[in-house]
C-alpha atoms as a PDB file:
ATOM      1  CA  MET A   1     -66.614 -74.373  41.055  1.00  0.00           C
ATOM      2  CA  ILE A   2     -63.439 -74.984  42.993  1.00  0.00           C
ATOM      3  CA  LEU A   3     -61.865 -78.477  43.005  1.00  0.00           C
ATOM      4  CA  THR A   4     -59.401 -79.414  45.835  1.00  0.00           C
ATOM      5  CA  HIS A   5     -57.033 -81.936  46.105  1.00  0.00           C
ATOM      6  CA  VAL A   6     -54.487 -82.898  48.745  1.00  0.00           C
ATOM      7  CA  GLU A   7     -51.558 -84.896  48.030  1.00  0.00           C
ATOM      8  CA  ALA A   8     -47.968 -85.022  49.321  1.00  0.00           C
ATOM      9  CA  GLY A   9     -48.185 -82.219  51.264  1.00  0.00           C
ATOM     10  CA  VAL A  10     -49.779 -80.039  48.115  1.00  0.00           C
ATOM     11  CA  LEU A  11     -53.073 -78.460  48.177  1.00  0.00           C
ATOM     12  CA  THR A  12     -54.183 -78.200  44.616  1.00  0.00           C
ATOM     13  CA  LEU A  13     -56.941 -75.378  43.991  1.00  0.00           C
ATOM     14  CA  THR A  14     -58.485 -75.713  40.622  1.00  0.00           C
ATOM     15  CA  LEU A  15     -60.731 -73.044  39.685  1.00  0.00           C
ATOM     16  CA  ASN A  16     -63.267 -75.028  37.831  1.00  0.00           C
ATOM     17  CA  ARG A  17     -65.675 -72.805  35.626  1.00  0.00           C
ATOM     18  CA  PRO A  18     -64.247 -73.750  32.228  1.00  0.00           C
ATOM     19  CA  ASP A  19     -67.483 -72.594  30.300  1.00  0.00           C
ATOM     20  CA  ARG A  20     -67.112 -69.323  31.663  1.00  0.00           C
ATOM     21  CA  LEU A  21     -63.190 -69.174  31.418  1.00  0.00           C
ATOM     22  CA  ASN A  22     -63.024 -69.720  35.147  1.00  0.00           C
ATOM     23  CA  SER A  23     -64.280 -66.103  35.601  1.00  0.00           C
ATOM     24  CA  PHE A  24     -65.500 -65.145  39.081  1.00  0.00           C
ATOM     25  CA  ASN A  25     -68.862 -64.895  40.391  1.00  0.00           C
ATOM     26  CA  ASP A  26     -70.067 -64.421  44.162  1.00  0.00           C
ATOM     27  CA  GLU A  27     -70.301 -68.584  44.404  1.00  0.00           C
ATOM     28  CA  MET A  28     -66.492 -69.151  43.124  1.00  0.00           C
ATOM     29  CA  HIS A  29     -65.409 -66.475  45.556  1.00  0.00           C
ATOM     30  CA  ARG A  30     -67.098 -67.834  48.622  1.00  0.00           C
ATOM     31  CA  GLN A  31     -65.866 -71.645  47.843  1.00  0.00           C
ATOM     32  CA  LEU A  32     -62.315 -70.225  46.935  1.00  0.00           C
ATOM     33  CA  ALA A  33     -62.436 -68.738  50.505  1.00  0.00           C
ATOM     34  CA  GLU A  34     -63.548 -72.077  52.138  1.00  0.00           C
ATOM     35  CA  ALA A  35     -60.686 -74.081  50.358  1.00  0.00           C
ATOM     36  CA  LEU A  36     -57.986 -71.631  51.528  1.00  0.00           C
ATOM     37  CA  LYS A  37     -59.013 -72.273  55.144  1.00  0.00           C
ATOM     38  CA  ILE A  38     -57.339 -75.661  54.298  1.00  0.00           C
ATOM     39  CA  ALA A  39     -53.953 -74.041  53.293  1.00  0.00           C
ATOM     40  CA  GLU A  40     -54.224 -71.885  56.605  1.00  0.00           C
ATOM     41  CA  ARG A  41     -55.191 -74.247  58.887  1.00  0.00           C
ATOM     42  CA  ASP A  42     -53.816 -77.821  57.909  1.00  0.00           C
ATOM     43  CA  ASP A  43     -49.935 -78.041  59.056  1.00  0.00           C
ATOM     44  CA  SER A  44     -49.948 -81.124  56.775  1.00  0.00           C
ATOM     45  CA  VAL A  45     -50.343 -78.583  53.974  1.00  0.00           C
ATOM     46  CA  ARG A  46     -46.937 -77.139  53.202  1.00  0.00           C
ATOM     47  CA  CYS A  47     -47.533 -75.852  49.670  1.00  0.00           C
ATOM     48  CA  LEU A  48     -50.651 -74.301  47.694  1.00  0.00           C
ATOM     49  CA  LEU A  49     -50.961 -74.793  43.987  1.00  0.00           C
ATOM     50  CA  ILE A  50     -53.662 -72.965  42.022  1.00  0.00           C
ATOM     51  CA  THR A  51     -54.517 -73.520  38.481  1.00  0.00           C
ATOM     52  CA  GLY A  52     -57.507 -73.514  36.156  1.00  0.00           C
ATOM     53  CA  ALA A  53     -59.467 -76.018  34.380  1.00  0.00           C
ATOM     54  CA  GLY A  54     -60.226 -76.274  30.573  1.00  0.00           C
ATOM     55  CA  ARG A  55     -58.539 -73.586  27.986  1.00  0.00           C
ATOM     56  CA  GLY A  56     -58.391 -70.674  30.489  1.00  0.00           C
ATOM     57  CA  PHE A  57     -56.650 -69.928  34.013  1.00  0.00           C
ATOM     58  CA  CYS A  58     -59.257 -67.039  34.790  1.00  0.00           C
ATOM     59  CA  ALA A  59     -60.659 -64.320  32.987  1.00  0.00           C
ATOM     60  CA  GLY A  60     -61.319 -62.051  36.054  1.00  0.00           C
ATOM     61  CA  GLN A  61     -64.847 -61.042  36.910  1.00  0.00           C
ATOM     62  CA  ASP A  62     -67.894 -62.620  35.362  1.00  0.00           C
ATOM     63  CA  LEU A  63     -69.620 -59.588  33.726  1.00  0.00           C
ATOM     64  CA  ASN A  64     -72.790 -61.541  33.210  1.00  0.00           C
ATOM     65  CA  ASP A  65     -72.631 -61.366  37.159  1.00  0.00           C
ATOM     66  CA  ARG A  66     -72.980 -57.664  36.999  1.00  0.00           C
ATOM     67  CA  ASN A  67     -75.835 -55.397  36.492  1.00  0.00           C
ATOM     68  CA  VAL A  68     -75.314 -52.256  34.045  1.00  0.00           C
ATOM     69  CA  SER A  69     -78.994 -51.602  32.951  1.00  0.00           C
ATOM     70  CA  VAL A  70     -79.518 -48.136  32.191  1.00  0.00           C
ATOM     71  CA  ASP A  71     -82.657 -48.367  33.882  1.00  0.00           C
ATOM     72  CA  GLN A  72     -81.472 -49.983  37.173  1.00  0.00           C
ATOM     73  CA  GLU A  73     -79.245 -48.615  39.832  1.00  0.00           C
ATOM     74  CA  THR A  74     -75.570 -49.086  39.287  1.00  0.00           C
ATOM     75  CA  PRO A  75     -73.883 -51.859  40.898  1.00  0.00           C
ATOM     76  CA  ASP A  76     -71.130 -50.771  43.687  1.00  0.00           C
ATOM     77  CA  LEU A  77     -68.213 -52.325  42.546  1.00  0.00           C
ATOM     78  CA  GLY A  78     -66.036 -51.054  45.209  1.00  0.00           C
ATOM     79  CA  LEU A  79     -68.106 -53.342  47.490  1.00  0.00           C
ATOM     80  CA  SER A  80     -67.138 -56.492  45.460  1.00  0.00           C
ATOM     81  CA  VAL A  81     -63.650 -55.510  45.797  1.00  0.00           C
ATOM     82  CA  GLU A  82     -63.735 -54.962  49.479  1.00  0.00           C
ATOM     83  CA  ARG A  83     -65.863 -58.048  50.169  1.00  0.00           C
ATOM     84  CA  PHE A  84     -64.096 -60.799  47.764  1.00  0.00           C
ATOM     85  CA  TYR A  85     -60.876 -59.615  45.714  1.00  0.00           C
ATOM     86  CA  ASN A  86     -59.112 -57.941  48.408  1.00  0.00           C
ATOM     87  CA  PRO A  87     -59.467 -60.529  51.136  1.00  0.00           C
ATOM     88  CA  LEU A  88     -58.284 -63.099  48.500  1.00  0.00           C
ATOM     89  CA  ILE A  89     -55.178 -61.249  47.477  1.00  0.00           C
ATOM     90  CA  ARG A  90     -54.174 -60.643  51.300  1.00  0.00           C
ATOM     91  CA  ARG A  91     -54.881 -64.111  52.430  1.00  0.00           C
ATOM     92  CA  ILE A  92     -52.564 -65.532  49.551  1.00  0.00           C
ATOM     93  CA  THR A  93     -49.799 -63.167  49.994  1.00  0.00           C
ATOM     94  CA  SER A  94     -49.540 -63.612  53.624  1.00  0.00           C
ATOM     95  CA  LEU A  95     -50.130 -67.271  53.565  1.00  0.00           C
ATOM     96  CA  PRO A  96     -46.988 -68.374  55.437  1.00  0.00           C
ATOM     97  CA  LYS A  97     -46.435 -71.416  52.970  1.00  0.00           C
ATOM     98  CA  PRO A  98     -45.351 -71.084  49.160  1.00  0.00           C
ATOM     99  CA  VAL A  99     -47.962 -70.486  46.555  1.00  0.00           C
ATOM    100  CA  ILE A 100     -47.521 -71.662  43.128  1.00  0.00           C
ATOM    101  CA  CYS A 101     -49.693 -70.617  40.395  1.00  0.00           C
ATOM    102  CA  ALA A 102     -49.796 -72.873  37.085  1.00  0.00           C
ATOM    103  CA  VAL A 103     -51.455 -70.416  34.396  1.00  0.00           C
ATOM    104  CA  ASN A 104     -52.955 -72.835  31.986  1.00  0.00           C
ATOM    105  CA  GLY A 105     -54.517 -70.114  29.668  1.00  0.00           C
ATOM    106  CA  VAL A 106     -55.480 -66.656  29.573  1.00  0.00           C
ATOM    107  CA  ALA A 107     -55.351 -64.945  32.835  1.00  0.00           C
ATOM    108  CA  ALA A 108     -57.290 -61.459  32.224  1.00  0.00           C
ATOM    109  CA  GLY A 109     -58.239 -58.722  34.889  1.00  0.00           C
ATOM    110  CA  ALA A 110     -58.299 -59.670  38.299  1.00  0.00           C
ATOM    111  CA  GLY A 111     -57.319 -63.183  37.116  1.00  0.00           C
ATOM    112  CA  ALA A 112     -53.699 -61.940  36.307  1.00  0.00           C
ATOM    113  CA  ALA A 113     -53.709 -60.401  39.464  1.00  0.00           C
ATOM    114  CA  LEU A 114     -54.296 -63.336  41.062  1.00  0.00           C
ATOM    115  CA  ALA A 115     -51.315 -64.906  39.355  1.00  0.00           C
ATOM    116  CA  PHE A 116     -49.342 -62.037  40.123  1.00  0.00           C
ATOM    117  CA  ALA A 117     -49.917 -62.567  43.764  1.00  0.00           C
ATOM    118  CA  CYS A 118     -48.732 -65.855  43.938  1.00  0.00           C
ATOM    119  CA  ASP A 119     -44.996 -66.678  45.087  1.00  0.00           C
ATOM    120  CA  ILE A 120     -43.954 -68.814  42.009  1.00  0.00           C
ATOM    121  CA  VAL A 121     -45.849 -68.554  38.531  1.00  0.00           C
ATOM    122  CA  ILE A 122     -45.210 -70.918  35.816  1.00  0.00           C
ATOM    123  CA  ALA A 123     -47.149 -70.439  32.625  1.00  0.00           C
ATOM    124  CA  SER A 124     -47.889 -72.515  29.616  1.00  0.00           C
ATOM    125  CA  SER A 125     -46.772 -71.210  26.662  1.00  0.00           C
ATOM    126  CA  SER A 126     -50.146 -70.669  25.097  1.00  0.00           C
ATOM    127  CA  ALA A 127     -51.093 -68.725  28.285  1.00  0.00           C
ATOM    128  CA  SER A 128     -51.254 -64.953  28.088  1.00  0.00           C
ATOM    129  CA  PHE A 129     -51.802 -61.823  30.418  1.00  0.00           C
ATOM    130  CA  ILE A 130     -54.352 -58.950  29.888  1.00  0.00           C
ATOM    131  CA  GLN A 131     -55.134 -55.990  31.976  1.00  0.00           C
ATOM    132  CA  SER A 132     -58.628 -55.462  30.577  1.00  0.00           C
ATOM    133  CA  PHE A 133     -59.868 -52.859  32.755  1.00  0.00           C
ATOM    134  CA  CYS A 134     -59.256 -49.935  30.374  1.00  0.00           C
ATOM    135  CA  ARG A 135     -61.903 -51.350  27.969  1.00  0.00           C
ATOM    136  CA  LEU A 136     -64.496 -50.961  30.680  1.00  0.00           C
ATOM    137  CA  GLY A 137     -63.564 -47.716  32.002  1.00  0.00           C
ATOM    138  CA  LEU A 138     -62.258 -49.396  35.270  1.00  0.00           C
ATOM    139  CA  VAL A 139     -58.884 -49.461  37.030  1.00  0.00           C
ATOM    140  CA  PRO A 140     -56.805 -52.559  37.843  1.00  0.00           C
ATOM    141  CA  ASP A 141     -57.740 -54.046  41.061  1.00  0.00           C
ATOM    142  CA  SER A 142     -56.870 -56.939  43.031  1.00  0.00           C
ATOM    143  CA  GLY A 143     -53.687 -55.832  43.805  1.00  0.00           C
ATOM    144  CA  GLY A 144     -52.836 -55.414  39.681  1.00  0.00           C
ATOM    145  CA  SER A 145     -51.945 -51.678  40.176  1.00  0.00           C
ATOM    146  CA  TRP A 146     -49.368 -52.524  42.727  1.00  0.00           C
ATOM    147  CA  PHE A 147     -47.839 -55.687  41.270  1.00  0.00           C
ATOM    148  CA  LEU A 148     -47.470 -54.331  37.822  1.00  0.00           C
ATOM    149  CA  PRO A 149     -45.152 -51.344  38.437  1.00  0.00           C
ATOM    150  CA  ARG A 150     -43.232 -53.838  40.856  1.00  0.00           C
ATOM    151  CA  LEU A 151     -43.080 -56.511  38.948  1.00  0.00           C
ATOM    152  CA  ALA A 152     -42.626 -54.885  35.119  1.00  0.00           C
ATOM    153  CA  GLY A 153     -41.400 -51.542  35.822  1.00  0.00           C
ATOM    154  CA  ARG A 154     -43.828 -48.249  35.410  1.00  0.00           C
ATOM    155  CA  ALA A 155     -43.440 -47.950  31.792  1.00  0.00           C
ATOM    156  CA  ARG A 156     -44.728 -51.311  30.885  1.00  0.00           C
ATOM    157  CA  ALA A 157     -47.245 -51.317  33.711  1.00  0.00           C
ATOM    158  CA  MET A 158     -48.803 -48.134  32.252  1.00  0.00           C
ATOM    159  CA  GLY A 159     -48.977 -49.787  28.535  1.00  0.00           C
ATOM    160  CA  MET A 160     -50.460 -52.753  30.037  1.00  0.00           C
ATOM    161  CA  ALA A 161     -53.134 -50.983  31.990  1.00  0.00           C
ATOM    162  CA  LEU A 162     -53.810 -48.171  29.431  1.00  0.00           C
ATOM    163  CA  LEU A 163     -53.681 -49.928  26.536  1.00  0.00           C
ATOM    164  CA  GLY A 164     -55.291 -53.612  27.520  1.00  0.00           C
ATOM    165  CA  ASP A 165     -53.002 -55.438  25.022  1.00  0.00           C
ATOM    166  CA  LYS A 166     -52.458 -59.031  25.326  1.00  0.00           C
ATOM    167  CA  VAL A 167     -49.036 -59.849  26.874  1.00  0.00           C
ATOM    168  CA  SER A 168     -47.772 -63.400  25.690  1.00  0.00           C
ATOM    169  CA  ALA A 169     -46.007 -66.047  28.315  1.00  0.00           C
ATOM    170  CA  GLU A 170     -42.981 -65.262  26.898  1.00  0.00           C
ATOM    171  CA  GLN A 171     -43.182 -61.700  27.131  1.00  0.00           C
ATOM    172  CA  ALA A 172     -44.216 -62.025  30.477  1.00  0.00           C
ATOM    173  CA  LEU A 173     -41.456 -63.922  31.264  1.00  0.00           C
ATOM    174  CA  ALA A 174     -38.865 -61.483  29.713  1.00  0.00           C
ATOM    175  CA  TRP A 175     -40.523 -58.710  31.787  1.00  0.00           C
ATOM    176  CA  GLY A 176     -40.123 -60.445  34.936  1.00  0.00           C
ATOM    177  CA  LEU A 177     -43.918 -60.981  35.404  1.00  0.00           C
ATOM    178  CA  ILE A 178     -43.512 -64.784  35.892  1.00  0.00           C
ATOM    179  CA  TRP A 179     -40.911 -67.298  36.823  1.00  0.00           C
ATOM    180  CA  GLN A 180     -40.947 -69.756  34.140  1.00  0.00           C
ATOM    181  CA  VAL A 181     -42.772 -70.868  30.809  1.00  0.00           C
ATOM    182  CA  VAL A 182     -43.248 -74.362  29.746  1.00  0.00           C
ATOM    183  CA  GLU A 183     -44.985 -76.382  27.101  1.00  0.00           C
ATOM    184  CA  PRO A 184     -48.618 -77.133  27.545  1.00  0.00           C
ATOM    185  CA  GLU A 185     -48.099 -80.709  28.250  1.00  0.00           C
ATOM    186  CA  GLN A 186     -45.645 -80.224  30.560  1.00  0.00           C
ATOM    187  CA  LEU A 187     -47.248 -77.672  32.886  1.00  0.00           C
ATOM    188  CA  ALA A 188     -49.202 -80.325  35.306  1.00  0.00           C
ATOM    189  CA  ASP A 189     -46.428 -82.179  35.918  1.00  0.00           C
ATOM    190  CA  LYS A 190     -43.928 -79.331  36.126  1.00  0.00           C
ATOM    191  CA  THR A 191     -45.823 -77.747  38.706  1.00  0.00           C
ATOM    192  CA  GLN A 192     -46.778 -80.599  40.760  1.00  0.00           C
ATOM    193  CA  THR A 193     -43.112 -81.923  40.899  1.00  0.00           C
ATOM    194  CA  LEU A 194     -42.184 -78.393  42.175  1.00  0.00           C
ATOM    195  CA  ALA A 195     -44.832 -78.278  44.866  1.00  0.00           C
ATOM    196  CA  GLN A 196     -43.942 -81.557  45.973  1.00  0.00           C
ATOM    197  CA  HIS A 197     -40.122 -80.462  46.067  1.00  0.00           C
ATOM    198  CA  LEU A 198     -41.288 -77.348  48.311  1.00  0.00           C
ATOM    199  CA  ALA A 199     -43.379 -79.336  50.664  1.00  0.00           C
ATOM    200  CA  THR A 200     -40.496 -81.286  51.654  1.00  0.00           C
ATOM    201  CA  GLN A 201     -38.621 -77.793  52.551  1.00  0.00           C
ATOM    202  CA  PRO A 202     -38.406 -75.930  55.843  1.00  0.00           C
ATOM    203  CA  THR A 203     -41.834 -74.512  55.652  1.00  0.00           C
ATOM    204  CA  TYR A 204     -41.643 -72.030  58.256  1.00  0.00           C
ATOM    205  CA  GLY A 205     -38.552 -70.627  57.195  1.00  0.00           C
ATOM    206  CA  LEU A 206     -40.081 -70.407  53.715  1.00  0.00           C
ATOM    207  CA  GLY A 207     -42.832 -68.234  54.922  1.00  0.00           C
ATOM    208  CA  LEU A 208     -40.396 -66.134  56.952  1.00  0.00           C
ATOM    209  CA  ILE A 209     -38.285 -65.548  53.313  1.00  0.00           C
ATOM    210  CA  LYS A 210     -42.083 -64.755  51.711  1.00  0.00           C
ATOM    211  CA  LYS A 211     -42.655 -62.229  54.601  1.00  0.00           C
ATOM    212  CA  ALA A 212     -39.504 -60.615  54.261  1.00  0.00           C
ATOM    213  CA  ILE A 213     -39.781 -60.291  50.340  1.00  0.00           C
ATOM    214  CA  ASN A 214     -43.049 -58.735  50.138  1.00  0.00           C
ATOM    215  CA  ALA A 215     -42.241 -56.363  52.841  1.00  0.00           C
ATOM    216  CA  SER A 216     -39.439 -55.049  50.861  1.00  0.00           C
ATOM    217  CA  ALA A 217     -41.384 -53.391  48.546  1.00  0.00           C
ATOM    218  CA  THR A 218     -42.308 -50.565  51.008  1.00  0.00           C
ATOM    219  CA  ASN A 219     -39.376 -50.807  53.338  1.00  0.00           C
ATOM    220  CA  THR A 220     -36.449 -48.687  53.681  1.00  0.00           C
ATOM    221  CA  LEU A 221     -33.256 -50.287  53.737  1.00  0.00           C
ATOM    222  CA  ASP A 222     -32.888 -49.578  57.668  1.00  0.00           C
ATOM    223  CA  GLN A 223     -36.075 -51.065  57.926  1.00  0.00           C
ATOM    224  CA  GLN A 224     -35.683 -54.287  55.869  1.00  0.00           C
ATOM    225  CA  LEU A 225     -32.295 -55.103  57.796  1.00  0.00           C
ATOM    226  CA  ASP A 226     -34.029 -54.521  61.186  1.00  0.00           C
ATOM    227  CA  LEU A 227     -36.729 -57.158  59.796  1.00  0.00           C
ATOM    228  CA  GLU A 228     -34.107 -59.362  58.475  1.00  0.00           C
ATOM    229  CA  ARG A 229     -32.484 -59.666  61.727  1.00  0.00           C
ATOM    230  CA  ASP A 230     -35.967 -60.093  63.709  1.00  0.00           C
ATOM    231  CA  LEU A 231     -37.177 -62.988  61.006  1.00  0.00           C
ATOM    232  CA  GLN A 232     -33.578 -64.550  61.188  1.00  0.00           C
ATOM    233  CA  ARG A 233     -33.868 -64.612  65.127  1.00  0.00           C
ATOM    234  CA  LEU A 234     -37.258 -66.520  64.441  1.00  0.00           C
ATOM    235  CA  GLY A 235     -35.723 -69.107  61.830  1.00  0.00           C
ATOM    236  CA  GLY A 236     -32.781 -70.031  64.148  1.00  0.00           C
ATOM    237  CA  ARG A 237     -35.156 -71.159  66.978  1.00  0.00           C
ATOM    238  CA  SER A 238     -36.988 -73.459  64.306  1.00  0.00           C
ATOM    239  CA  ASP A 239     -36.603 -77.018  64.764  1.00  0.00           C
ATOM    240  CA  ASP A 240     -36.189 -77.179  61.045  1.00  0.00           C
ATOM    241  CA  TYR A 241     -33.022 -75.093  61.485  1.00  0.00           C
ATOM    242  CA  ARG A 242     -31.378 -77.484  63.840  1.00  0.00           C
ATOM    243  CA  GLU A 243     -32.530 -80.606  61.629  1.00  0.00           C
ATOM    244  CA  GLY A 244     -30.971 -78.787  58.698  1.00  0.00           C
ATOM    245  CA  VAL A 245     -27.561 -78.141  60.451  1.00  0.00           C
ATOM    246  CA  SER A 246     -27.618 -81.984  61.659  1.00  0.00           C
ATOM    247  CA  ALA A 247     -28.168 -83.059  58.601  1.00  0.00           C
ATOM    248  CA  PHE A 248     -25.325 -80.808  56.850  1.00  0.00           C
ATOM    249  CA  PHE A 249     -22.725 -82.433  59.604  1.00  0.00           C
ATOM    250  CA  ALA A 250     -23.976 -85.847  59.256  1.00  0.00           C
ATOM    251  CA  LYS A 251     -24.015 -85.551  55.402  1.00  0.00           C
ATOM    252  CA  ARG A 252     -27.227 -86.881  55.007  1.00  0.00           C
ATOM    253  CA  GLN A 253     -30.638 -85.521  53.692  1.00  0.00           C
ATOM    254  CA  PRO A 254     -32.717 -83.132  56.140  1.00  0.00           C
ATOM    255  CA  GLU A 255     -36.192 -84.454  57.158  1.00  0.00           C
ATOM    256  CA  PHE A 256     -37.718 -81.225  57.327  1.00  0.00           C
ATOM    257  CA  ARG A 257     -41.396 -80.772  59.532  1.00  0.00           C
ATOM    258  CA  GLY A 258     -42.112 -77.491  58.387  1.00  0.00           C
ATOM    259  CA  LYS A 259     -41.711 -75.758  62.135  1.00  0.00           C
END
């Protein structure tokens, strides 16, 4: 269900339930959680790339994995959110390494939120984003209600969440939900090239940038200024900072080690 591949400092995780549009069930959650340990614990991995197999990126929760029969007890969806989706989003956003998402097809529900949680999102021109919760009497989860208004603004977030309309890749780009749109046949090469580039950069410093930008959503200006001071202090003590400055004065390409 989850394919892993490590090459040139890039860990590629592929959601692999193409017959179900890579929708989540409990086993896929467990496999993804195990795969993320590689990104967290392996220092040779300096960039994470997430994509989907087949014609879809991720259709969110597999409804076949949910019991809604009127003659049986209703499922505790909050338990699923607490056990699987919330830890997933927290791990991706707190990972001190860049995370790229290659959206190869439809990203619906939690699948869309998974993409929005990543640091750089590149979508195929055939991809689309759907907040489908409203059609089931549910609310956007996996951080969807947090990411949407911050990325696209309140009006667009409300429209997406209350109507559940499909948003094309080009529209998502115009609204600031994603970074770039490419043709389907270019997606794999484009995202791999970008991931391999990021894997050669000062990974520790990139992790500090990620921490600063994520914190800015809830910090006051004064809090953010103090955080920038503290993170700059840490960055200035890194080996990569020394290497970057040395390479600058020597007029050579730096060789960052990610530390």
